[in-house]
Every structure is written in structure tokens, then in C-alpha cells.
Amino acid sequence: MNEENFRLYVDREISHYRTMEEAKEAAKLFMPKKAELRIEILMEIDISEADWWAYNYETKEWEPS
């Protein structure tokens, strides 16, 4: 079974990926346009972990959102 546990939002478009790394790699294609980028983790995680991540263009890093 191929579970896609990571959802990438690029502005209003949505796509799914198996890993966070795959989602981040796909997001790189949209960075030159400075699109709004967010990744949602769909699988169950620890309550202390962030389930949403957004790309910050100023720091050039993914940050909990």
C-alpha cells in the first residue's frame, strides 16, 4: 500500500507525497515564483510535534505553522 501522508499546498493547488522530503523537493519548483507553500502531515503524530509547516522566504527555511 502506497500511503501519501504529506499534503503540499502551493497557493490553491494540492498534491500528495509519501515523505516530507519528497514534498519539500516538489515545493522547490515553485520557490522562484514565491508561491505560498505549506505542508500538512496527514498521519498521526505526537501532540508536541507540528502537523503544519510553511516555507519562510526570508529565512529560507521550513517552519512550524
N, C-alpha and C. Protein backbone atom coordinates (compact mmCIF):
# COMPACT_ATOMS: atom_id res chain seq x y z
N MET A 1 0.84 -1.19 0.00
CA MET A 1 0.00 0.00 0.00
C MET A 1 0.88 1.24 0.00
N ASN A 2 0.59 2.16 -0.88
CA ASN A 2 1.36 3.39 -1.01
C ASN A 2 0.63 4.51 -0.30
N GLU A 3 1.02 4.80 0.93
CA GLU A 3 0.35 5.85 1.68
C GLU A 3 1.04 7.18 1.44
N GLU A 4 0.26 8.16 1.08
CA GLU A 4 0.77 9.50 0.87
C GLU A 4 0.35 10.34 2.06
N ASN A 5 1.25 10.45 3.03
CA ASN A 5 0.95 11.07 4.31
C ASN A 5 1.31 12.55 4.40
N PHE A 6 1.74 13.13 3.28
CA PHE A 6 2.13 14.53 3.30
C PHE A 6 1.42 15.26 2.16
N ARG A 7 0.73 16.33 2.50
CA ARG A 7 -0.04 17.10 1.53
C ARG A 7 0.66 18.44 1.34
N LEU A 8 1.04 18.74 0.10
CA LEU A 8 1.68 20.00 -0.24
C LEU A 8 0.64 20.95 -0.82
N TYR A 9 0.56 22.13 -0.24
CA TYR A 9 -0.30 23.18 -0.76
C TYR A 9 0.59 24.23 -1.41
N VAL A 10 0.35 24.49 -2.68
CA VAL A 10 1.05 25.54 -3.42
C VAL A 10 -0.02 26.52 -3.85
N ASP A 11 -0.06 27.65 -3.16
CA ASP A 11 -1.18 28.59 -3.33
C ASP A 11 -2.47 27.79 -3.15
N ARG A 12 -3.24 27.55 -4.21
CA ARG A 12 -4.51 26.81 -4.06
C ARG A 12 -4.43 25.39 -4.60
N GLU A 13 -3.28 24.98 -5.11
CA GLU A 13 -3.12 23.63 -5.65
C GLU A 13 -2.68 22.68 -4.53
N ILE A 14 -3.13 21.43 -4.62
CA ILE A 14 -2.81 20.42 -3.60
C ILE A 14 -2.24 19.18 -4.28
N SER A 15 -1.18 18.64 -3.70
CA SER A 15 -0.63 17.37 -4.17
C SER A 15 -0.19 16.56 -2.96
N HIS A 16 -0.03 15.25 -3.14
CA HIS A 16 0.29 14.35 -2.04
C HIS A 16 1.62 13.63 -2.27
N TYR A 17 2.33 13.36 -1.16
CA TYR A 17 3.64 12.71 -1.22
C TYR A 17 3.79 11.70 -0.10
N ARG A 18 4.68 10.74 -0.32
CA ARG A 18 4.92 9.70 0.69
C ARG A 18 5.78 10.19 1.84
N THR A 19 6.69 11.13 1.57
CA THR A 19 7.60 11.61 2.62
C THR A 19 7.64 13.13 2.64
N MET A 20 8.09 13.67 3.75
CA MET A 20 8.28 15.11 3.89
C MET A 20 9.35 15.58 2.89
N GLU A 21 10.39 14.78 2.72
CA GLU A 21 11.47 15.14 1.80
C GLU A 21 10.96 15.26 0.36
N GLU A 22 10.10 14.34 -0.05
CA GLU A 22 9.52 14.40 -1.40
C GLU A 22 8.68 15.66 -1.57
N ALA A 23 7.91 16.01 -0.55
CA ALA A 23 7.07 17.21 -0.61
C ALA A 23 7.95 18.46 -0.69
N LYS A 24 9.02 18.50 0.09
CA LYS A 24 9.91 19.66 0.05
C LYS A 24 10.61 19.78 -1.30
N GLU A 25 11.00 18.66 -1.87
CA GLU A 25 11.65 18.68 -3.20
C GLU A 25 10.68 19.22 -4.25
N ALA A 26 9.44 18.77 -4.20
CA ALA A 26 8.44 19.25 -5.15
C ALA A 26 8.18 20.75 -4.96
N ALA A 27 8.21 21.21 -3.72
CA ALA A 27 7.97 22.62 -3.43
C ALA A 27 9.05 23.51 -4.03
N LYS A 28 10.26 22.99 -4.16
CA LYS A 28 11.37 23.79 -4.71
C LYS A 28 11.06 24.32 -6.11
N LEU A 29 10.24 23.59 -6.86
CA LEU A 29 9.89 24.03 -8.21
C LEU A 29 9.11 25.34 -8.22
N PHE A 30 8.43 25.63 -7.12
CA PHE A 30 7.57 26.81 -7.04
C PHE A 30 8.22 27.98 -6.30
N MET A 31 9.38 27.74 -5.70
CA MET A 31 10.04 28.79 -4.92
C MET A 31 10.44 30.01 -5.74
N PRO A 32 10.89 29.84 -7.00
CA PRO A 32 11.22 31.05 -7.78
C PRO A 32 10.04 32.01 -7.95
N LYS A 33 8.83 31.47 -7.92
CA LYS A 33 7.62 32.30 -8.06
C LYS A 33 7.16 32.87 -6.72
N LYS A 34 7.85 32.45 -5.64
CA LYS A 34 7.48 32.85 -4.26
C LYS A 34 6.03 32.50 -3.95
N ALA A 35 5.63 31.33 -4.38
CA ALA A 35 4.28 30.84 -4.08
C ALA A 35 4.16 30.55 -2.60
N GLU A 36 2.94 30.64 -2.08
CA GLU A 36 2.71 30.27 -0.68
C GLU A 36 2.82 28.75 -0.59
N LEU A 37 3.73 28.26 0.25
CA LEU A 37 3.99 26.83 0.37
C LEU A 37 3.72 26.36 1.78
N ARG A 38 2.89 25.31 1.88
CA ARG A 38 2.60 24.70 3.18
C ARG A 38 2.55 23.20 3.01
N ILE A 39 3.01 22.50 4.03
CA ILE A 39 2.94 21.04 4.04
C ILE A 39 2.15 20.62 5.28
N GLU A 40 1.17 19.76 5.05
CA GLU A 40 0.36 19.21 6.14
C GLU A 40 0.73 17.74 6.31
N ILE A 41 0.99 17.34 7.55
CA ILE A 41 1.27 15.93 7.85
C ILE A 41 -0.07 15.27 8.16
N LEU A 42 -0.41 14.24 7.38
CA LEU A 42 -1.73 13.61 7.50
C LEU A 42 -1.75 12.43 8.45
N MET A 43 -0.57 11.87 8.76
CA MET A 43 -0.54 10.72 9.65
C MET A 43 -0.55 11.18 11.11
N GLU A 44 -0.88 10.28 11.99
CA GLU A 44 -0.92 10.61 13.40
C GLU A 44 0.49 10.83 13.93
N ILE A 45 0.69 11.98 14.60
CA ILE A 45 1.99 12.29 15.18
C ILE A 45 1.82 12.66 16.64
N ASP A 46 2.92 12.78 17.34
CA ASP A 46 2.90 13.17 18.75
C ASP A 46 2.29 14.57 18.89
N ILE A 47 1.56 14.78 19.95
CA ILE A 47 0.88 16.06 20.18
C ILE A 47 1.85 17.23 20.25
N SER A 48 3.10 16.97 20.61
CA SER A 48 4.09 18.04 20.73
C SER A 48 4.72 18.41 19.39
N GLU A 49 4.43 17.64 18.34
CA GLU A 49 5.01 17.91 17.03
C GLU A 49 4.06 18.75 16.17
N ALA A 50 4.63 19.53 15.28
CA ALA A 50 3.82 20.36 14.38
C ALA A 50 3.30 19.51 13.22
N ASP A 51 2.03 19.68 12.89
CA ASP A 51 1.47 18.94 11.76
C ASP A 51 1.31 19.82 10.52
N TRP A 52 1.67 21.10 10.63
CA TRP A 52 1.68 22.03 9.50
C TRP A 52 3.03 22.71 9.45
N TRP A 53 3.58 22.85 8.23
CA TRP A 53 4.85 23.53 8.03
C TRP A 53 4.67 24.52 6.88
N ALA A 54 5.26 25.69 7.01
CA ALA A 54 5.20 26.70 5.96
C ALA A 54 6.61 27.14 5.61
N TYR A 55 6.81 27.46 4.35
CA TYR A 55 8.13 27.92 3.92
C TYR A 55 8.23 29.42 4.13
N ASN A 56 9.30 29.84 4.83
CA ASN A 56 9.54 31.25 5.09
C ASN A 56 10.62 31.72 4.11
N TYR A 57 10.24 32.59 3.19
CA TYR A 57 11.18 33.06 2.17
C TYR A 57 12.27 33.95 2.76
N GLU A 58 12.00 34.63 3.86
CA GLU A 58 13.01 35.50 4.48
C GLU A 58 14.14 34.68 5.09
N THR A 59 13.80 33.60 5.79
CA THR A 59 14.82 32.77 6.43
C THR A 59 15.26 31.61 5.55
N LYS A 60 14.50 31.36 4.48
CA LYS A 60 14.75 30.25 3.56
C LYS A 60 14.73 28.90 4.28
N GLU A 61 13.75 28.76 5.19
CA GLU A 61 13.60 27.53 5.95
C GLU A 61 12.12 27.17 6.10
N TRP A 62 11.88 25.87 6.32
CA TRP A 62 10.54 25.40 6.65
C TRP A 62 10.35 25.60 8.14
N GLU A 63 9.20 26.18 8.51
CA GLU A 63 8.93 26.46 9.92
C GLU A 63 7.58 25.90 10.32
N PRO A 64 7.46 25.48 11.58
CA PRO A 64 6.13 25.03 12.05
C PRO A 64 5.13 26.15 11.87
N SER A 65 3.93 25.75 11.51
CA SER A 65 2.91 26.76 11.23
C SER A 65 1.66 26.48 12.01
